Amino acid sequence: MTPILDGPTTMSSARIRLALLALALGGFGIGSTEFVAMGLLPNIAHDLLPQLYATSSDDANAQAGWIISAYALGVVVGAPTIAAVAARWPRKKLLLWLLVAFTVGTIASAVAPTFQLVMLARFVSALPHGAYFGIASLVAASLMGPGKRGRGVAFVLSGLTIANVIGVPAITWIGQHNGWRIAYLVVAAIFALTFVAVAFLVPWQAGDAKATMRNELRAFTRLQVWLALLIGAIGFGGFFAVYTYIAPIVTTVTGLPEASVPLILIVAGLGMTVGNILGGRAADHSVRNSMLLFFAILLVALAALWLTASTVVGLVVSVFVVAGACSALSPTIQTRLMDVAHDSQSIAAALNHSALNIANASGAALGGLTIAAGLGYLSPIVVGAILAVAGILLALLSFGIDRSRERRGVDTGVVHAQRPDPIPVD
C-alpha cells in the first residue's frame, strides 16, 4: 500500500494497516453487540420473561425479539443525529467518544434488571453505532487512497463480519454456559480494548471545516438519497427476518441441539466475511450491477432455505449464501449513498447504518409477528423474500431514474466522493 505523504511526514504502510485494524476492531465489537442476542434469544426470553416463557416459549422468543428491534431503532436515531451535529469534530476525537458510549451502554445492558430496562439500555447503547461506522469508513477510505472507497468501507465492515465468524459464536457459547449478562460484559471489554487501539494507532484527522448541520441535512432533500435508504431499509430486512430467529430455526425446524447454534452462526459469519470482501471490490467497479446481482442471489438463497431448512446440508449452504449476499450488499449500498449525497459525506456514510437497522427492526418485528401468529419458524423466510423483492424493485427504480436523466442530459446527482486531504501522523 502506498504511504500517505504530508509534507515531510510519511505514514508507513505498516502504520496504515495497524490503523485500519484498530478501526475494524470497533466493527468487531459492534458486530458482537448487535448479533449476539440472536444466538441467545431463548436464554434472554427465559430469564427476562419467565412467566410468558413457561406458558409459550414461541411467544416469549417473539417478544424478546423486541430487544433486537430496540437496538436497531437506536442506530436509526443516533446515526444521522450524531453525524450531522459532530461533522466538524476531529474524527479521531469523535471515534473515541463513541467508543466510550458503546462501553458504558453495553455494561448497562448487562446489569439492567428488567426486560424494559434492558430494552432501554440496548436503545441507548446503539446510538453511536451508525456514526462510528460512518466516520470510521471515511477515515479508512482516506487511508486506502483514491479509487478504493468500496474497499475502505469493506475493511471497516470486515470487523463486523469476522465478529460473526469468531466473536458472536464464542460469546454465544459463553452466554449459554455462564448467562447472557456475562456475554454482554465480554462485549463491553472488546469496546474498551478498541478505545485503547484507536487512541494509539489511528492518526489524527481533522473534521470537515466546511461542514454544517444544514449542509449535512441537505442529503434528505435528494430523491436518490431516499431511494438508497429505502433499498437498504426494506431490501436488507430479508436477512434480519431470518437471522433474528436463527436459534429456534436450528433447534426446531432442523432439529439440531442447542449446542449447534454457535456452529451455524460461524457458517453465517463466514458467509458475511466472503460477501463483504466481494461486495467491496464489486462496488468499486459498478455499484449498479453489483447491487442487482447480490439482491438476486439473496432471493434465490432465501427460497432455498425455505425449501431445505429441515436438512442440515440445506440449512448450512443456504445460511452461508443468504449471509454472504446480504453482507455484499452493505458496502454497495453505502457507496451508493456516498455517491448521491453530494457534499453531505459524513451523514451519508452514517445513514447506511440507519437504513440497515430499520431493516433489522422491521425484519425482526415482522418475523416475530408471523411466528406469534402460529405460522411457524419458516414464516420469517417468506417475509424475507418479500422484502428482498421490494429491494430489487426499488433499486431498479433508482437506477432507472439515473438512466432517464442521463438520456435527457440532466445531472443524475451522482457525485463520487474525492479523497480527503492527506492524514498527518500524530
Protein backbone atom coordinates (compact mmCIF):
# COMPACT_ATOMS: atom_id res chain seq x y z
CA MET A 1 0.00 0.00 0.00
CA THR A 2 1.36 3.40 -0.92
CA PRO A 3 2.35 5.53 2.06
CA ILE A 4 0.45 8.77 2.59
CA LEU A 5 2.60 11.85 2.47
CA ASP A 6 2.00 15.15 4.19
CA GLY A 7 4.90 17.45 3.53
CA PRO A 8 7.98 15.91 5.14
CA THR A 9 5.94 13.43 7.17
CA THR A 10 5.41 9.93 5.80
CA MET A 11 2.92 7.45 7.19
CA SER A 12 4.24 3.94 6.65
CA SER A 13 2.25 1.10 5.15
CA ALA A 14 2.57 -0.81 8.42
CA ARG A 15 1.13 2.13 10.37
CA ILE A 16 -1.76 2.40 7.91
CA ARG A 17 -2.57 -1.29 8.32
CA LEU A 18 -2.50 -1.01 12.11
CA ALA A 19 -4.83 1.98 11.97
CA LEU A 20 -7.22 0.05 9.72
CA LEU A 21 -7.12 -2.92 12.09
CA ALA A 22 -7.97 -0.65 15.03
CA LEU A 23 -10.98 0.68 13.13
CA ALA A 24 -12.01 -2.86 12.19
CA LEU A 25 -11.77 -3.90 15.85
CA GLY A 26 -14.53 -1.39 16.56
CA GLY A 27 -16.59 -3.11 13.87
CA PHE A 28 -15.85 -6.42 15.62
CA GLY A 29 -17.27 -5.04 18.85
CA ILE A 30 -20.33 -3.63 17.10
CA GLY A 31 -20.96 -6.91 15.30
CA SER A 32 -20.71 -8.73 18.61
CA THR A 33 -23.07 -6.43 20.49
CA GLU A 34 -25.61 -6.32 17.65
CA PHE A 35 -25.78 -10.00 16.75
CA VAL A 36 -25.06 -11.90 19.96
CA ALA A 37 -28.70 -11.50 21.01
CA MET A 38 -29.78 -13.64 18.05
CA GLY A 39 -28.00 -16.72 19.36
CA LEU A 40 -29.02 -16.04 22.97
CA LEU A 41 -32.63 -15.06 22.28
CA PRO A 42 -34.15 -18.12 24.04
CA ASN A 43 -31.85 -17.56 27.04
CA ILE A 44 -32.81 -13.89 27.28
CA ALA A 45 -36.50 -14.74 26.94
CA HIS A 46 -36.28 -17.40 29.64
CA ASP A 47 -34.51 -15.04 32.07
CA LEU A 48 -36.40 -11.79 31.49
CA LEU A 49 -39.85 -13.19 30.62
CA PRO A 50 -40.10 -16.31 32.80
CA GLN A 51 -43.88 -16.38 33.19
CA LEU A 52 -44.53 -15.93 29.48
CA TYR A 53 -41.81 -18.45 28.63
CA ALA A 54 -43.42 -21.04 30.91
CA THR A 55 -46.72 -20.54 29.07
CA SER A 56 -45.39 -20.28 25.49
CA SER A 57 -41.73 -20.27 24.52
CA ASP A 58 -42.69 -19.12 21.00
CA ASP A 59 -44.46 -16.02 22.35
CA ALA A 60 -41.57 -15.30 24.72
CA ASN A 61 -38.99 -15.58 21.92
CA ALA A 62 -41.10 -13.32 19.71
CA GLN A 63 -41.39 -10.68 22.46
CA ALA A 64 -37.68 -10.93 23.29
CA GLY A 65 -37.02 -10.07 19.65
CA TRP A 66 -38.07 -6.51 20.54
CA ILE A 67 -34.71 -6.16 22.32
CA ILE A 68 -33.10 -6.53 18.90
CA SER A 69 -35.57 -4.06 17.43
CA ALA A 70 -34.78 -1.55 20.24
CA TYR A 71 -31.08 -1.69 19.34
CA ALA A 72 -31.90 -1.20 15.68
CA LEU A 73 -34.06 1.82 16.42
CA GLY A 74 -31.24 3.33 18.47
CA VAL A 75 -28.99 3.11 15.41
CA VAL A 76 -31.67 4.77 13.27
CA VAL A 77 -31.94 7.71 15.67
CA GLY A 78 -28.26 8.07 16.52
CA ALA A 79 -26.62 7.77 13.11
CA PRO A 80 -27.93 10.92 11.39
CA THR A 81 -28.12 12.94 14.61
CA ILE A 82 -24.52 12.41 15.70
CA ALA A 83 -23.15 12.60 12.15
CA ALA A 84 -24.85 15.94 11.50
CA VAL A 85 -24.04 17.52 14.86
CA ALA A 86 -20.42 16.36 15.01
CA ALA A 87 -19.39 16.58 11.33
CA ARG A 88 -16.81 19.28 12.14
CA TRP A 89 -15.28 17.40 15.06
CA PRO A 90 -11.82 15.91 14.63
CA ARG A 91 -12.60 12.38 13.53
CA LYS A 92 -10.35 10.57 15.98
CA LYS A 93 -11.79 12.51 18.91
CA LEU A 94 -15.31 11.63 17.81
CA LEU A 95 -14.43 7.94 17.43
CA LEU A 96 -13.05 7.83 20.96
CA TRP A 97 -16.16 9.39 22.49
CA LEU A 98 -18.35 6.98 20.55
CA LEU A 99 -16.35 4.05 21.94
CA VAL A 100 -16.84 5.36 25.48
CA ALA A 101 -20.59 5.45 24.84
CA PHE A 102 -20.51 1.90 23.48
CA THR A 103 -18.68 0.62 26.55
CA VAL A 104 -20.98 2.29 29.07
CA GLY A 105 -24.16 1.33 27.19
CA THR A 106 -23.15 -2.31 26.86
CA ILE A 107 -22.36 -2.56 30.57
CA ALA A 108 -25.79 -1.09 31.29
CA SER A 109 -27.35 -3.76 29.04
CA ALA A 110 -25.63 -6.46 31.09
CA VAL A 111 -26.73 -5.22 34.51
CA ALA A 112 -30.25 -3.86 33.84
CA PRO A 113 -32.64 -5.94 36.00
CA THR A 114 -35.86 -5.95 33.93
CA PHE A 115 -36.92 -6.56 30.33
CA GLN A 116 -37.99 -2.92 29.90
CA LEU A 117 -34.70 -1.55 31.24
CA VAL A 118 -32.69 -3.92 29.06
CA MET A 119 -34.64 -2.66 26.05
CA LEU A 120 -33.84 0.93 27.04
CA ALA A 121 -30.16 0.11 27.56
CA ARG A 122 -29.98 -1.56 24.16
CA PHE A 123 -31.54 1.53 22.54
CA VAL A 124 -29.05 3.87 24.23
CA SER A 125 -26.04 1.66 23.52
CA ALA A 126 -26.97 1.63 19.81
CA LEU A 127 -26.90 5.42 19.37
CA PRO A 128 -23.16 5.56 18.42
CA HIS A 129 -23.38 2.59 16.01
CA GLY A 130 -24.04 4.36 12.70
CA ALA A 131 -21.85 7.34 13.46
CA TYR A 132 -18.91 5.06 14.29
CA PHE A 133 -19.20 3.12 11.06
CA GLY A 134 -19.75 6.30 9.08
CA ILE A 135 -16.76 8.19 10.45
CA ALA A 136 -14.53 5.10 10.52
CA SER A 137 -15.43 4.42 6.88
CA LEU A 138 -14.41 7.94 5.87
CA VAL A 139 -11.10 7.58 7.70
CA ALA A 140 -10.50 4.14 6.17
CA ALA A 141 -11.32 5.39 2.67
CA SER A 142 -8.80 8.19 3.15
CA LEU A 143 -6.17 5.71 4.33
CA MET A 144 -6.81 3.34 1.41
CA GLY A 145 -6.38 6.01 -1.24
CA PRO A 146 -8.27 7.07 -4.38
CA GLY A 147 -10.43 4.58 -6.25
CA LYS A 148 -10.74 2.29 -3.25
CA ARG A 149 -13.69 3.71 -1.32
CA GLY A 150 -15.64 0.47 -1.50
CA ARG A 151 -12.70 -1.49 -0.16
CA GLY A 152 -12.14 1.06 2.60
CA VAL A 153 -15.76 0.72 3.69
CA ALA A 154 -15.49 -3.06 3.43
CA PHE A 155 -12.36 -3.10 5.61
CA VAL A 156 -14.17 -1.41 8.48
CA LEU A 157 -17.16 -3.69 7.97
CA SER A 158 -14.82 -6.69 7.96
CA GLY A 159 -14.65 -6.37 11.74
CA LEU A 160 -18.40 -6.88 11.85
CA THR A 161 -18.28 -9.90 9.56
CA ILE A 162 -15.36 -11.50 11.41
CA ALA A 163 -17.32 -10.97 14.62
CA ASN A 164 -19.92 -13.29 13.15
CA VAL A 165 -17.25 -15.94 12.49
CA ILE A 166 -15.43 -15.73 15.82
CA GLY A 167 -16.94 -13.23 18.24
CA VAL A 168 -20.65 -13.99 18.07
CA PRO A 169 -20.33 -17.80 18.21
CA ALA A 170 -17.76 -17.63 21.01
CA ILE A 171 -19.73 -15.09 23.03
CA THR A 172 -22.93 -17.06 22.38
CA TRP A 173 -21.22 -20.14 23.83
CA ILE A 174 -20.09 -18.11 26.84
CA GLY A 175 -23.63 -16.79 27.29
CA GLN A 176 -25.18 -20.25 27.05
CA HIS A 177 -22.85 -21.58 29.76
CA ASN A 178 -22.43 -18.53 32.01
CA GLY A 179 -25.52 -16.41 31.38
CA TRP A 180 -26.33 -13.85 28.71
CA ARG A 181 -25.33 -10.98 31.03
CA ILE A 182 -21.74 -12.25 31.12
CA ALA A 183 -21.81 -12.29 27.32
CA TYR A 184 -22.55 -8.57 27.23
CA LEU A 185 -19.78 -7.83 29.73
CA VAL A 186 -17.37 -9.57 27.36
CA VAL A 187 -18.59 -7.30 24.57
CA ALA A 188 -18.04 -4.24 26.77
CA ALA A 189 -14.43 -5.37 27.29
CA ILE A 190 -13.98 -5.50 23.49
CA PHE A 191 -15.11 -1.89 23.21
CA ALA A 192 -12.72 -0.84 25.96
CA LEU A 193 -9.86 -2.55 24.10
CA THR A 194 -10.89 -0.80 20.89
CA PHE A 195 -10.72 2.56 22.67
CA VAL A 196 -7.08 1.88 23.53
CA ALA A 197 -6.28 0.68 19.99
CA VAL A 198 -7.84 3.71 18.32
CA ALA A 199 -6.17 6.09 20.77
CA PHE A 200 -2.71 4.73 19.97
CA LEU A 201 -2.94 3.61 16.34
CA VAL A 202 -5.36 5.82 14.40
CA PRO A 203 -3.77 9.07 13.17
CA TRP A 204 -5.32 12.42 13.89
CA GLN A 205 -7.65 13.62 11.16
CA ALA A 206 -9.49 16.92 11.21
CA GLY A 207 -13.22 17.04 10.67
CA ASP A 208 -14.70 18.83 7.69
CA ALA A 209 -14.19 22.51 8.45
CA LYS A 210 -16.83 23.47 5.88
CA ALA A 211 -19.44 21.09 7.25
CA THR A 212 -22.51 22.47 8.92
CA MET A 213 -25.60 20.75 10.20
CA ARG A 214 -27.60 22.49 7.48
CA ASN A 215 -25.30 21.21 4.73
CA GLU A 216 -25.32 17.68 6.11
CA LEU A 217 -29.11 17.66 6.39
CA ARG A 218 -29.40 18.65 2.74
CA ALA A 219 -28.91 14.98 1.97
CA PHE A 220 -32.55 14.50 2.95
CA THR A 221 -33.68 16.80 0.12
CA ARG A 222 -32.37 14.44 -2.57
CA LEU A 223 -34.66 11.79 -4.03
CA GLN A 224 -31.85 9.36 -4.77
CA VAL A 225 -30.66 9.50 -1.16
CA TRP A 226 -34.15 8.49 -0.02
CA LEU A 227 -34.30 5.70 -2.58
CA ALA A 228 -30.90 4.37 -1.48
CA LEU A 229 -32.09 4.43 2.13
CA LEU A 230 -35.25 2.57 1.21
CA ILE A 231 -33.25 -0.05 -0.69
CA GLY A 232 -31.31 -0.80 2.49
CA ALA A 233 -34.20 -0.37 4.92
CA ILE A 234 -36.56 -2.68 3.04
CA GLY A 235 -34.38 -4.99 0.98
CA PHE A 236 -31.97 -5.81 3.80
CA GLY A 237 -34.89 -6.72 6.06
CA GLY A 238 -34.95 -10.08 4.33
CA PHE A 239 -31.76 -11.04 6.14
CA PHE A 240 -32.84 -9.91 9.59
CA ALA A 241 -36.24 -11.55 9.33
CA VAL A 242 -34.34 -14.84 9.15
CA TYR A 243 -31.21 -14.17 11.23
CA THR A 244 -33.11 -12.88 14.26
CA TYR A 245 -34.74 -16.29 14.69
CA ILE A 246 -31.83 -18.45 13.60
CA ALA A 247 -31.57 -20.18 17.00
CA PRO A 248 -35.15 -21.55 17.02
CA ILE A 249 -34.87 -22.40 13.30
CA VAL A 250 -31.82 -24.52 14.04
CA THR A 251 -33.33 -26.28 17.03
CA THR A 252 -37.00 -26.52 15.98
CA VAL A 253 -37.03 -26.78 12.17
CA THR A 254 -33.74 -28.58 11.55
CA GLY A 255 -33.91 -30.44 14.85
CA LEU A 256 -30.31 -29.84 15.90
CA PRO A 257 -29.29 -29.46 19.56
CA GLU A 258 -28.78 -26.02 21.11
CA ALA A 259 -25.03 -26.59 21.03
CA SER A 260 -25.23 -26.44 17.21
CA VAL A 261 -26.39 -22.81 17.20
CA PRO A 262 -22.86 -21.32 17.55
CA LEU A 263 -21.70 -23.54 14.67
CA ILE A 264 -24.45 -22.22 12.38
CA LEU A 265 -23.55 -18.69 13.46
CA ILE A 266 -19.98 -19.43 12.36
CA VAL A 267 -21.31 -20.51 8.97
CA ALA A 268 -23.26 -17.25 8.71
CA GLY A 269 -20.18 -15.29 9.75
CA LEU A 270 -18.04 -16.98 7.10
CA GLY A 271 -20.66 -16.08 4.52
CA MET A 272 -20.64 -12.47 5.72
CA THR A 273 -16.84 -12.30 5.54
CA VAL A 274 -16.69 -13.62 1.99
CA GLY A 275 -19.62 -11.45 0.90
CA ASN A 276 -18.12 -8.31 2.43
CA ILE A 277 -14.88 -8.77 0.50
CA LEU A 278 -16.70 -9.43 -2.76
CA GLY A 279 -19.13 -6.56 -2.19
CA GLY A 280 -16.40 -4.01 -1.50
CA ARG A 281 -14.50 -4.92 -4.66
CA ALA A 282 -17.65 -5.11 -6.76
CA ALA A 283 -18.81 -1.68 -5.57
CA ASP A 284 -15.55 -0.13 -6.80
CA HIS A 285 -16.30 -1.49 -10.28
CA SER A 286 -20.07 -0.99 -10.60
CA VAL A 287 -22.49 -0.16 -7.80
CA ARG A 288 -25.47 -0.72 -10.08
CA ASN A 289 -24.52 -4.18 -11.35
CA SER A 290 -23.28 -5.45 -8.00
CA MET A 291 -26.40 -4.34 -6.13
CA LEU A 292 -28.77 -6.08 -8.54
CA LEU A 293 -26.62 -9.22 -8.64
CA PHE A 294 -26.42 -9.63 -4.88
CA PHE A 295 -30.14 -8.98 -4.40
CA ALA A 296 -30.88 -11.72 -6.94
CA ILE A 297 -28.56 -14.13 -5.11
CA LEU A 298 -30.23 -13.26 -1.81
CA LEU A 299 -33.67 -14.04 -3.19
CA VAL A 300 -32.58 -17.41 -4.57
CA ALA A 301 -30.84 -18.30 -1.29
CA LEU A 302 -33.94 -17.44 0.77
CA ALA A 303 -36.05 -19.68 -1.44
CA ALA A 304 -33.52 -22.48 -0.99
CA LEU A 305 -33.53 -22.01 2.79
CA TRP A 306 -37.33 -22.22 2.91
CA LEU A 307 -37.25 -25.46 0.92
CA THR A 308 -34.32 -27.17 2.64
CA ALA A 309 -34.11 -25.82 6.22
CA SER A 310 -35.25 -29.18 7.59
CA THR A 311 -31.98 -30.74 6.39
CA VAL A 312 -28.55 -29.99 7.83
CA VAL A 313 -26.91 -29.56 4.42
CA GLY A 314 -29.68 -27.29 3.18
CA LEU A 315 -29.53 -25.19 6.32
CA VAL A 316 -25.74 -24.78 6.21
CA VAL A 317 -25.48 -23.95 2.50
CA SER A 318 -28.47 -21.62 2.44
CA VAL A 319 -27.46 -19.72 5.59
CA PHE A 320 -23.96 -19.23 4.15
CA VAL A 321 -25.28 -17.80 0.87
CA VAL A 322 -28.00 -15.65 2.50
CA ALA A 323 -25.45 -14.11 4.86
CA GLY A 324 -22.91 -13.65 2.07
CA ALA A 325 -25.33 -11.91 -0.28
CA CYS A 326 -26.53 -9.53 2.44
CA SER A 327 -23.04 -8.70 3.57
CA ALA A 328 -22.03 -7.94 -0.02
CA LEU A 329 -24.94 -5.50 -0.28
CA SER A 330 -23.78 -3.42 2.70
CA PRO A 331 -20.69 -1.73 1.18
CA THR A 332 -22.57 -1.46 -2.12
CA ILE A 333 -25.46 0.46 -0.55
CA GLN A 334 -23.09 2.62 1.49
CA THR A 335 -21.09 3.51 -1.62
CA ARG A 336 -24.33 4.38 -3.43
CA LEU A 337 -25.32 6.71 -0.59
CA MET A 338 -21.96 8.44 -0.65
CA ASP A 339 -22.24 8.80 -4.44
CA VAL A 340 -25.64 10.54 -4.38
CA ALA A 341 -25.17 12.67 -1.24
CA HIS A 342 -23.01 15.40 -2.82
CA ASP A 343 -21.05 17.13 -0.03
CA SER A 344 -23.05 15.58 2.82
CA GLN A 345 -20.49 12.81 3.19
CA SER A 346 -20.50 12.37 6.98
CA ILE A 347 -24.23 11.89 7.24
CA ALA A 348 -24.33 9.77 4.07
CA ALA A 349 -21.75 7.37 5.45
CA ALA A 350 -23.72 7.04 8.68
CA LEU A 351 -27.19 6.84 7.13
CA ASN A 352 -26.44 3.46 5.61
CA HIS A 353 -26.49 2.00 9.09
CA SER A 354 -29.74 3.75 9.91
CA ALA A 355 -31.24 2.09 6.85
CA LEU A 356 -29.81 -1.33 7.66
CA ASN A 357 -31.07 -1.13 11.21
CA ILE A 358 -34.53 -0.11 10.09
CA ALA A 359 -34.23 -3.38 8.19
CA ASN A 360 -33.09 -5.04 11.43
CA ALA A 361 -36.03 -3.67 13.40
CA SER A 362 -38.66 -4.33 10.73
CA GLY A 363 -37.31 -7.75 9.82
CA ALA A 364 -37.20 -8.87 13.46
CA ALA A 365 -40.64 -7.42 14.17
CA LEU A 366 -42.35 -8.84 11.06
CA GLY A 367 -40.73 -12.22 11.57
CA GLY A 368 -41.87 -12.19 15.20
CA LEU A 369 -45.43 -11.36 14.17
CA THR A 370 -45.64 -14.33 11.82
CA ILE A 371 -44.26 -16.66 14.50
CA ALA A 372 -46.66 -15.29 17.12
CA ALA A 373 -49.50 -15.82 14.62
CA GLY A 374 -48.70 -19.52 14.64
CA LEU A 375 -47.21 -19.68 11.14
CA GLY A 376 -44.04 -21.41 12.35
CA TYR A 377 -40.34 -20.63 12.23
CA LEU A 378 -40.17 -20.90 8.43
CA SER A 379 -42.56 -17.97 8.04
CA PRO A 380 -39.88 -15.27 8.55
CA ILE A 381 -38.12 -16.65 5.47
CA VAL A 382 -41.20 -15.83 3.39
CA VAL A 383 -41.24 -12.36 4.92
CA GLY A 384 -37.57 -12.02 3.99
CA ALA A 385 -38.19 -12.99 0.38
CA ILE A 386 -40.98 -10.42 0.04
CA LEU A 387 -38.71 -7.70 1.44
CA ALA A 388 -35.87 -8.72 -0.90
CA VAL A 389 -38.18 -8.45 -3.93
CA ALA A 390 -39.16 -4.96 -2.77
CA GLY A 391 -35.46 -4.06 -2.51
CA ILE A 392 -34.85 -5.18 -6.09
CA LEU A 393 -37.79 -3.11 -7.36
CA LEU A 394 -36.53 -0.02 -5.53
CA ALA A 395 -33.04 -0.50 -6.95
CA LEU A 396 -34.44 -0.79 -10.46
CA LEU A 397 -36.45 2.40 -9.91
CA SER A 398 -33.41 4.31 -8.63
CA PHE A 399 -31.15 3.26 -11.48
CA GLY A 400 -33.95 3.83 -13.99
CA ILE A 401 -34.18 7.45 -12.83
CA ASP A 402 -30.42 7.78 -13.36
CA ARG A 403 -30.68 6.45 -16.91
CA SER A 404 -33.65 8.69 -17.70
CA ARG A 405 -31.79 11.77 -16.50
CA GLU A 406 -28.68 10.77 -18.42
CA ARG A 407 -30.66 10.44 -21.66
CA ARG A 408 -32.11 13.92 -21.12
CA GLY A 409 -28.70 15.36 -20.29
CA VAL A 410 -29.76 16.13 -16.72
CA ASP A 411 -27.32 15.86 -13.80
CA THR A 412 -28.00 12.49 -12.14
CA GLY A 413 -26.92 13.78 -8.76
CA VAL A 414 -24.28 11.06 -8.50
CA VAL A 415 -21.07 12.61 -7.25
CA HIS A 416 -18.17 10.32 -6.44
CA ALA A 417 -16.53 11.44 -3.21
CA GLN A 418 -12.98 12.63 -3.53
CA ARG A 419 -10.17 11.55 -1.32
CA PRO A 420 -9.79 13.80 1.75
CA ASP A 421 -6.61 15.66 2.47
CA PRO A 422 -3.61 13.55 3.47
CA ILE A 423 -3.58 12.43 7.07
CA PRO A 424 -0.65 13.58 9.20
CA VAL A 425 0.98 11.33 11.74
CA ASP A 426 0.08 12.47 15.23
